[in-house]
Amino acid sequence: MQFIKNVKKEEYIKFVNNHSKSHFLQSYAWGQFCEKAKGQIANYIGMADDNGELVATSLILEKKTPLGYSYGYSPRGFITDYHNKEIIKEFTNYLKQYMKDKKIIYIKFDPDIPYQEIDSNANPVVGGQNNYELYNYLLSLGYHHTGFYRLYEGNQPRYTFRIDLKKDWNEIEKRMSKSFIKSIKRSETYDLEINNDQNVEVFYKLMQNNSKKDHFDSKSLKYYEIFTQELSKENIVKYFNVIIKPKELIKKIDINILQTKKDIENSKKRIEDLKNQLTRLEKDRDIFDNINEDAEIICSLICTYTNNRAWSLFIGSNDIANYTFAVSKCYYEAIKDAYNNGYDFFDLFGTPGDPNTNYKNLASLHDFKRKFGDQYIEFIGEFDLINKKILYKILPILLKIYRRLRRLKK
């Protein structure tokens, strides 16, 4: 085996894209994005067999410290065959020397590997599939597992919902909840349209709306601009924008209002139902009459891809989107698009591992995402390969002090 400190761009992209464990967080483009948006150093390392063929790669995002040392993170890495213990062992040995050479305190990685099969309450399924053996093998090689956290304590979510797109579309829809399918049908009454324009500024405004409502800090506009620019270079990002055309919709509503009033006058049955229908139509009219634009994007979802996998990543929406069920429609169209383009799965990128959490925002997120149906997955978690044990223990304290001093200086 041969260790490669700098895998060539073309070789790296080809290997990652075509591997069964491919992940957008291990893409060449993600490394470039992290360099420009986060100030991290992107290292593209690998290992080749005796024939010169790559058998493992990893994007290592390196962060310098004031101590003259650095620490690294391989998001959803490494890209390799986790069934092959020889490869894992050899790659680990090379990493240990790599860390010594580069004065790296530790490297963290959190592979796209399920830990165990779980039920809808995140409890292990008796007799279900698991990767306990791999977990223990990594520990035997010197990796330190950081814990089985259940919410969002780590760098990446340890739980997710994943939709298997290799099934027939009718079967995929059957696994979706009735309430979700109903919301899709309700959204169709508003004649919503979809386009794929990369309108970063509109997305950012919608994301800011979400951050205020759900009390989280949104990234900057520049962050999303760099993200879109870099991932577009490999064609692994796609926007799904939901558009409403209020003036055209109001014309349709006015026709329906007149017809409903006539039906109330002429009908002897269903009077209450018709009155409720009229009330809803009049409410629709009042709401859409307040939109000044001829066409407005009310929801924007950003998805990322490798050759055979798809993830939803960011979404922004406003109150009109919630009223018209545009958020549900946005996800539905993105899932169907991934299905039509032959992807293996669509990953909703994160949900709590505690469905009954007291954090209301996380509980609501989980309730929404599980309506899509299919697989509830628990990942194996984060492992740290440690080079400097003392620095590893004190680094969090030192960084906390350093960041506090920087804030005071500013």
Protein backbone atom coordinates (compact mmCIF):
# COMPACT_ATOMS: atom_id res chain seq x y z
CA MET A 1 0.00 0.00 0.00
CA GLN A 2 1.10 3.56 -0.70
CA PHE A 3 0.01 6.70 1.16
CA ILE A 4 -0.71 9.78 -0.97
CA LYS A 5 -0.56 13.16 0.77
CA ASN A 6 -2.05 15.08 -2.16
CA VAL A 7 -4.43 13.13 -4.40
CA LYS A 8 -4.84 14.76 -7.81
CA LYS A 9 -8.11 16.62 -8.20
CA GLU A 10 -9.45 14.54 -11.10
CA GLU A 11 -8.54 11.22 -9.45
CA TYR A 12 -10.03 12.31 -6.15
CA ILE A 13 -13.35 13.42 -7.69
CA LYS A 14 -13.64 10.23 -9.74
CA PHE A 15 -12.96 7.93 -6.78
CA VAL A 16 -15.33 9.70 -4.36
CA ASN A 17 -18.17 10.04 -6.85
CA ASN A 18 -18.10 6.41 -7.90
CA HIS A 19 -17.61 4.85 -4.46
CA SER A 20 -20.50 3.16 -2.65
CA LYS A 21 -19.79 5.39 0.38
CA SER A 22 -19.67 8.64 -1.59
CA HIS A 23 -20.82 11.73 0.30
CA PHE A 24 -21.07 15.39 -0.67
CA LEU A 25 -19.21 16.30 2.55
CA GLN A 26 -16.22 14.38 1.17
CA SER A 27 -16.39 16.02 -2.26
CA TYR A 28 -13.52 18.09 -3.62
CA ALA A 29 -15.93 21.03 -3.91
CA TRP A 30 -16.87 20.86 -0.23
CA GLY A 31 -13.20 21.22 0.67
CA GLN A 32 -12.87 24.30 -1.53
CA PHE A 33 -16.02 25.76 0.01
CA CYS A 34 -14.67 25.21 3.55
CA GLU A 35 -11.40 26.92 2.64
CA LYS A 36 -13.14 30.02 1.28
CA ALA A 37 -16.08 30.26 3.69
CA LYS A 38 -14.67 28.83 6.92
CA GLY A 39 -10.94 29.46 6.73
CA GLN A 40 -10.09 25.77 6.97
CA ILE A 41 -7.31 24.04 5.03
CA ALA A 42 -8.51 21.30 2.68
CA ASN A 43 -6.23 18.26 2.47
CA TYR A 44 -7.11 15.54 -0.04
CA ILE A 45 -5.27 12.42 1.05
CA GLY A 46 -5.51 8.80 -0.07
CA MET A 47 -4.04 5.33 -0.18
CA ALA A 48 -3.34 3.22 -3.28
CA ASP A 49 -2.78 -0.51 -3.66
CA ASP A 50 0.30 -2.10 -5.24
CA ASN A 51 -1.19 -1.45 -8.70
CA GLY A 52 -1.52 2.26 -8.02
CA GLU A 53 -5.33 2.11 -7.73
CA LEU A 54 -6.94 4.20 -5.00
CA VAL A 55 -8.55 2.15 -2.23
CA ALA A 56 -9.19 4.96 0.26
CA THR A 57 -9.44 8.74 0.26
CA SER A 58 -10.35 11.42 2.74
CA LEU A 59 -10.93 15.14 2.78
CA ILE A 60 -9.26 16.35 5.97
CA LEU A 61 -10.32 19.85 6.97
CA GLU A 62 -7.45 21.28 8.99
CA LYS A 63 -7.74 24.13 11.47
CA LYS A 64 -4.65 25.87 12.81
CA THR A 65 -4.35 26.78 16.49
CA PRO A 66 -2.23 29.47 18.21
CA LEU A 67 -0.15 26.65 19.68
CA GLY A 68 1.59 25.88 16.40
CA TYR A 69 -0.43 22.69 16.10
CA SER A 70 -3.65 21.99 14.21
CA TYR A 71 -6.61 19.62 14.42
CA GLY A 72 -8.46 17.89 11.61
CA TYR A 73 -11.91 16.74 10.66
CA SER A 74 -12.96 14.27 7.98
CA PRO A 75 -16.70 14.95 7.56
CA ARG A 76 -18.58 11.71 6.84
CA GLY A 77 -15.21 10.18 5.89
CA PHE A 78 -13.27 8.12 5.19
CA ILE A 79 -14.24 6.94 1.71
CA THR A 80 -13.22 3.29 1.70
CA ASP A 81 -14.46 -0.29 2.07
CA TYR A 82 -15.27 -0.67 5.77
CA HIS A 83 -15.59 -4.44 5.36
CA ASN A 84 -11.88 -4.62 4.54
CA LYS A 85 -10.06 -4.53 7.88
CA GLU A 86 -6.63 -4.58 6.25
CA ILE A 87 -7.34 -1.35 4.37
CA ILE A 88 -8.70 0.35 7.50
CA LYS A 89 -5.70 -0.72 9.54
CA GLU A 90 -3.15 0.38 6.93
CA PHE A 91 -4.88 3.70 6.36
CA THR A 92 -5.00 4.30 10.12
CA ASN A 93 -1.28 3.61 10.48
CA TYR A 94 -0.51 6.06 7.68
CA LEU A 95 -2.76 8.65 9.34
CA LYS A 96 -0.83 8.34 12.60
CA GLN A 97 2.42 9.19 10.82
CA TYR A 98 0.67 11.91 8.78
CA MET A 99 -0.47 13.60 12.00
CA LYS A 100 3.06 13.51 13.44
CA ASP A 101 4.53 15.01 10.28
CA LYS A 102 1.97 17.83 10.15
CA LYS A 103 1.75 18.44 13.92
CA ILE A 104 -1.94 17.56 13.99
CA ILE A 105 -3.30 17.00 17.52
CA TYR A 106 -6.13 14.72 16.40
CA ILE A 107 -8.30 13.88 13.40
CA LYS A 108 -12.03 13.39 13.85
CA PHE A 109 -14.17 11.35 11.46
CA ASP A 110 -17.83 10.30 11.48
CA PRO A 111 -18.41 7.73 8.71
CA ASP A 112 -21.66 7.27 6.81
CA ILE A 113 -22.12 3.93 8.55
CA PRO A 114 -25.25 2.90 10.52
CA TYR A 115 -24.57 1.77 14.08
CA GLN A 116 -27.64 -0.43 14.55
CA GLU A 117 -31.11 -0.95 13.17
CA ILE A 118 -33.66 1.07 15.18
CA ASP A 119 -37.44 1.28 15.47
CA SER A 120 -39.59 4.43 15.26
CA ASN A 121 -38.70 5.32 18.86
CA ALA A 122 -34.94 5.03 18.17
CA ASN A 123 -34.68 1.81 20.18
CA PRO A 124 -32.49 -1.02 18.80
CA VAL A 125 -34.40 -3.71 16.92
CA VAL A 126 -33.86 -7.10 18.54
CA GLY A 127 -32.03 -9.28 16.03
CA GLY A 128 -31.64 -6.34 13.65
CA GLN A 129 -28.57 -5.50 11.61
CA ASN A 130 -25.70 -3.72 13.34
CA ASN A 131 -22.07 -2.67 12.99
CA TYR A 132 -20.92 -3.44 16.54
CA GLU A 133 -17.96 -5.39 15.20
CA LEU A 134 -16.71 -2.41 13.17
CA TYR A 135 -17.20 -0.13 16.17
CA ASN A 136 -15.07 -2.40 18.37
CA TYR A 137 -12.46 -2.85 15.64
CA LEU A 138 -11.99 0.91 15.32
CA LEU A 139 -11.54 1.13 19.09
CA SER A 140 -8.90 -1.61 18.89
CA LEU A 141 -6.96 0.47 16.35
CA GLY A 142 -6.73 3.35 18.81
CA TYR A 143 -9.73 5.46 17.85
CA HIS A 144 -11.63 7.20 20.64
CA HIS A 145 -15.42 7.27 20.30
CA THR A 146 -16.90 10.58 21.50
CA GLY A 147 -20.28 9.21 22.61
CA PHE A 148 -23.73 8.15 21.44
CA TYR A 149 -25.33 11.59 21.46
CA ARG A 150 -29.00 11.74 20.46
CA LEU A 151 -29.61 15.35 19.48
CA TYR A 152 -27.24 17.69 17.62
CA GLU A 153 -24.20 17.69 19.90
CA GLY A 154 -21.76 16.57 17.20
CA ASN A 155 -20.46 18.03 13.96
CA GLN A 156 -23.10 16.16 11.93
CA PRO A 157 -26.48 14.73 12.91
CA ARG A 158 -26.17 11.17 14.25
CA TYR A 159 -29.71 10.32 13.12
CA THR A 160 -31.51 10.88 9.86
CA PHE A 161 -34.42 9.78 7.68
CA ARG A 162 -33.47 8.25 4.36
CA ILE A 163 -35.81 7.41 1.48
CA ASP A 164 -34.90 4.37 -0.59
CA LEU A 165 -35.36 5.45 -4.20
CA LYS A 166 -34.62 2.03 -5.70
CA LYS A 167 -38.23 1.03 -5.03
CA ASP A 168 -41.18 1.67 -7.32
CA TRP A 169 -42.53 5.23 -6.99
CA ASN A 170 -45.99 4.00 -5.97
CA GLU A 171 -44.41 2.05 -3.12
CA ILE A 172 -42.43 5.13 -2.04
CA GLU A 173 -45.61 7.21 -1.93
CA LYS A 174 -47.45 4.52 0.06
CA ARG A 175 -44.82 4.77 2.78
CA MET A 176 -45.44 8.52 3.12
CA SER A 177 -47.98 9.54 5.75
CA LYS A 178 -51.57 10.27 4.72
CA SER A 179 -51.30 13.77 6.16
CA PHE A 180 -48.23 14.49 4.03
CA ILE A 181 -49.92 13.28 0.83
CA LYS A 182 -52.97 15.34 1.77
CA SER A 183 -50.80 18.44 2.15
CA ILE A 184 -49.38 17.85 -1.34
CA LYS A 185 -52.88 17.69 -2.79
CA ARG A 186 -53.85 20.84 -0.92
CA SER A 187 -50.79 22.64 -2.32
CA GLU A 188 -51.95 21.83 -5.85
CA THR A 189 -55.05 24.01 -5.37
CA TYR A 190 -52.77 27.07 -5.29
CA ASP A 191 -51.21 26.41 -8.72
CA LEU A 192 -47.69 26.57 -7.28
CA GLU A 193 -44.82 26.33 -9.75
CA ILE A 194 -41.28 25.01 -9.38
CA ASN A 195 -38.05 26.25 -10.92
CA ASN A 196 -34.37 25.54 -10.29
CA ASP A 197 -32.87 29.03 -10.54
CA GLN A 198 -29.93 29.61 -8.20
CA ASN A 199 -31.36 32.75 -6.63
CA VAL A 200 -29.11 33.02 -3.57
CA GLU A 201 -30.39 36.38 -2.36
CA VAL A 202 -34.02 35.26 -2.33
CA PHE A 203 -33.06 32.03 -0.59
CA TYR A 204 -31.12 34.01 2.02
CA LYS A 205 -34.11 36.25 2.81
CA LEU A 206 -36.32 33.19 3.24
CA MET A 207 -33.69 31.52 5.42
CA GLN A 208 -33.50 34.64 7.61
CA ASN A 209 -37.26 34.43 8.05
CA ASN A 210 -36.88 30.86 9.30
CA SER A 211 -34.02 31.76 11.65
CA LYS A 212 -36.07 34.48 13.34
CA LYS A 213 -39.10 32.24 13.68
CA ASP A 214 -37.24 29.16 14.92
CA HIS A 215 -34.57 31.03 16.92
CA PHE A 216 -31.37 29.86 15.24
CA ASP A 217 -28.48 31.80 13.73
CA SER A 218 -28.44 31.84 9.94
CA LYS A 219 -25.16 31.92 8.05
CA SER A 220 -24.23 35.04 6.08
CA LEU A 221 -25.26 35.73 2.49
CA LYS A 222 -21.60 35.34 1.50
CA TYR A 223 -21.58 31.85 3.03
CA TYR A 224 -24.42 30.68 0.77
CA GLU A 225 -22.94 32.44 -2.25
CA ILE A 226 -19.61 30.63 -1.86
CA PHE A 227 -21.40 27.36 -1.16
CA THR A 228 -23.41 27.64 -4.39
CA GLN A 229 -20.42 28.75 -6.48
CA GLU A 230 -18.12 25.95 -5.34
CA LEU A 231 -20.59 23.05 -5.47
CA SER A 232 -21.86 24.24 -8.85
CA LYS A 233 -18.36 23.62 -10.26
CA GLU A 234 -18.96 19.88 -9.80
CA ASN A 235 -22.67 20.17 -10.59
CA ILE A 236 -23.63 18.72 -7.20
CA VAL A 237 -26.07 21.39 -5.99
CA LYS A 238 -29.65 22.11 -7.04
CA TYR A 239 -32.23 24.67 -5.94
CA PHE A 240 -35.96 23.93 -5.79
CA ASN A 241 -37.95 27.17 -5.67
CA VAL A 242 -41.71 27.25 -5.14
CA ILE A 243 -43.39 30.18 -6.90
CA ILE A 244 -46.82 31.63 -6.36
CA LYS A 245 -48.58 33.94 -8.85
CA PRO A 246 -51.12 35.84 -6.73
CA LYS A 247 -52.88 37.87 -9.44
CA GLU A 248 -53.59 34.79 -11.55
CA LEU A 249 -54.65 32.93 -8.43
CA ILE A 250 -57.04 35.71 -7.34
CA LYS A 251 -58.82 35.53 -10.73
CA LYS A 252 -59.35 31.83 -10.17
CA ILE A 253 -60.51 32.41 -6.59
CA ASP A 254 -63.01 35.08 -7.67
CA ILE A 255 -64.58 32.64 -10.13
CA ASN A 256 -64.79 29.99 -7.40
CA ILE A 257 -66.33 32.50 -4.95
CA LEU A 258 -69.09 33.40 -7.41
CA GLN A 259 -69.79 29.75 -8.14
CA THR A 260 -69.85 28.84 -4.45
CA LYS A 261 -72.33 31.65 -3.70
CA LYS A 262 -74.59 30.37 -6.45
CA ASP A 263 -74.33 26.85 -5.08
CA ILE A 264 -75.34 28.10 -1.63
CA GLU A 265 -78.40 29.83 -3.07
CA ASN A 266 -79.50 26.87 -5.17
CA SER A 267 -78.54 23.92 -3.01
CA LYS A 268 -80.61 22.42 -0.24
CA LYS A 269 -77.83 20.09 0.88
CA ARG A 270 -74.25 20.60 2.01
CA ILE A 271 -75.02 24.22 2.97
CA GLU A 272 -72.58 24.23 5.89
CA ASP A 273 -69.83 22.68 3.77
CA LEU A 274 -70.36 25.27 1.06
CA LYS A 275 -70.29 28.11 3.58
CA ASN A 276 -67.02 26.80 5.00
CA GLN A 277 -65.65 26.57 1.48
CA LEU A 278 -66.68 30.19 0.82
CA THR A 279 -65.02 31.33 4.05
CA ARG A 280 -61.78 29.62 3.05
CA LEU A 281 -61.87 31.14 -0.45
CA GLU A 282 -62.43 34.63 0.92
CA LYS A 283 -59.57 34.15 3.38
CA ASP A 284 -57.34 33.01 0.49
CA ARG A 285 -58.24 36.10 -1.47
CA ASP A 286 -57.42 38.45 1.41
CA ILE A 287 -54.04 36.81 1.96
CA PHE A 288 -52.95 36.71 -1.68
CA ASP A 289 -54.20 40.25 -2.29
CA ASN A 290 -51.43 41.48 0.04
CA ILE A 291 -48.69 40.13 -2.26
CA ASN A 292 -47.52 42.93 -4.55
CA GLU A 293 -45.40 40.87 -6.94
CA ASP A 294 -46.81 39.16 -10.04
CA ALA A 295 -44.74 36.10 -9.09
CA GLU A 296 -42.95 35.45 -5.81
CA ILE A 297 -40.68 32.69 -4.51
CA ILE A 298 -42.14 31.62 -1.17
CA CYS A 299 -39.98 28.56 -0.47
CA SER A 300 -36.49 27.52 -1.55
CA LEU A 301 -34.81 24.18 -0.88
CA ILE A 302 -31.15 23.43 -1.60
CA CYS A 303 -30.14 19.83 -2.30
CA THR A 304 -26.71 18.30 -2.79
CA TYR A 305 -25.61 15.17 -4.66
CA THR A 306 -22.95 12.66 -5.56
CA ASN A 307 -23.28 10.38 -8.59
CA ASN A 308 -25.79 8.11 -6.88
CA ARG A 309 -26.97 9.85 -3.70
CA ALA A 310 -29.06 12.92 -2.82
CA TRP A 311 -29.43 15.06 0.32
CA SER A 312 -31.66 17.98 1.28
CA LEU A 313 -29.52 20.53 3.09
CA PHE A 314 -30.97 24.03 3.54
CA ILE A 315 -34.52 25.36 3.27
CA GLY A 316 -36.00 28.83 3.58
CA SER A 317 -39.70 29.71 3.58
CA ASN A 318 -42.18 32.40 4.60
CA ASP A 319 -45.68 32.48 6.08
CA ILE A 320 -47.32 32.16 2.65
CA ALA A 321 -45.34 28.96 2.08
CA ASN A 322 -46.70 27.47 5.28
CA TYR A 323 -50.23 28.54 4.41
CA THR A 324 -50.10 26.97 0.93
CA PHE A 325 -48.19 23.80 1.99
CA ALA A 326 -45.32 24.89 -0.27
CA VAL A 327 -42.71 23.37 2.07
CA SER A 328 -44.23 19.91 1.65
CA LYS A 329 -44.46 20.41 -2.10
CA CYS A 330 -40.82 21.54 -2.26
CA TYR A 331 -39.57 18.35 -0.59
CA TYR A 332 -41.93 16.16 -2.59
CA GLU A 333 -40.71 17.58 -5.90
CA ALA A 334 -37.05 17.26 -4.86
CA ILE A 335 -37.57 13.61 -3.87
CA LYS A 336 -39.37 12.85 -7.12
CA ASP A 337 -36.64 14.60 -9.10
CA ALA A 338 -33.99 12.44 -7.40
CA TYR A 339 -36.06 9.33 -8.13
CA ASN A 340 -36.45 10.26 -11.81
CA ASN A 341 -32.70 10.86 -12.08
CA GLY A 342 -31.82 7.42 -10.73
CA TYR A 343 -30.37 8.24 -7.31
CA ASP A 344 -30.19 5.44 -4.72
CA PHE A 345 -31.62 7.43 -1.84
CA PHE A 346 -32.77 10.86 -0.70
CA ASP A 347 -31.44 11.80 2.73
CA LEU A 348 -33.28 14.42 4.82
CA PHE A 349 -29.99 15.25 6.56
CA GLY A 350 -30.68 15.09 10.22
CA THR A 351 -33.31 14.47 12.86
CA PRO A 352 -33.20 13.92 16.63
CA GLY A 353 -32.41 10.50 18.08
CA ASP A 354 -35.00 11.23 20.74
CA PRO A 355 -38.43 11.51 19.09
CA ASN A 356 -39.90 12.65 22.43
CA THR A 357 -37.35 15.39 23.08
CA ASN A 358 -38.48 18.39 25.16
CA TYR A 359 -36.91 20.73 22.60
CA LYS A 360 -40.02 21.78 20.71
CA ASN A 361 -38.23 22.85 17.53
CA LEU A 362 -36.44 19.50 17.26
CA ALA A 363 -39.60 17.57 18.08
CA SER A 364 -41.48 19.45 15.34
CA LEU A 365 -38.63 18.81 12.89
CA HIS A 366 -38.78 15.09 13.64
CA ASP A 367 -42.57 14.93 13.31
CA PHE A 368 -42.36 16.64 9.92
CA LYS A 369 -39.54 14.52 8.49
CA ARG A 370 -40.94 11.16 9.59
CA LYS A 371 -44.03 11.87 7.47
CA PHE A 372 -41.84 11.11 4.46
CA GLY A 373 -41.63 7.50 5.61
CA ASP A 374 -38.94 4.88 5.03
CA GLN A 375 -35.71 4.42 7.00
CA TYR A 376 -34.91 5.95 10.37
CA ILE A 377 -31.12 5.63 10.67
CA GLU A 378 -28.68 5.85 13.57
CA PHE A 379 -25.09 6.51 12.49
CA ILE A 380 -22.08 5.01 14.26
CA GLY A 381 -20.92 8.42 15.52
CA GLU A 382 -17.66 10.34 15.83
CA PHE A 383 -14.20 8.85 16.32
CA ASP A 384 -11.03 10.75 17.18
CA LEU A 385 -7.59 9.50 16.21
CA ILE A 386 -5.32 11.20 18.76
CA ASN A 387 -1.70 12.17 18.23
CA LYS A 388 -1.05 14.45 21.24
CA LYS A 389 -3.06 13.22 24.23
CA ILE A 390 -2.33 16.11 26.60
CA LEU A 391 -3.07 18.76 23.97
CA TYR A 392 -6.20 16.82 22.99
CA LYS A 393 -7.50 17.11 26.57
CA ILE A 394 -6.71 20.78 27.09
CA LEU A 395 -7.42 22.04 23.55
CA PRO A 396 -11.17 22.75 24.14
CA ILE A 397 -10.28 24.88 27.20
CA LEU A 398 -7.50 26.75 25.40
CA LEU A 399 -9.68 27.46 22.37
CA LYS A 400 -12.47 28.73 24.60
CA ILE A 401 -10.08 31.16 26.30
CA TYR A 402 -8.53 32.21 22.96
CA ARG A 403 -11.92 32.91 21.36
CA ARG A 404 -13.05 34.89 24.38
CA LEU A 405 -9.90 37.04 24.24
CA ARG A 406 -10.43 37.64 20.52
CA ARG A 407 -14.00 38.81 21.15
CA LEU A 408 -12.79 41.17 23.89
CA LYS A 409 -10.10 42.57 21.61
CA LYS A 410 -12.66 43.25 18.88
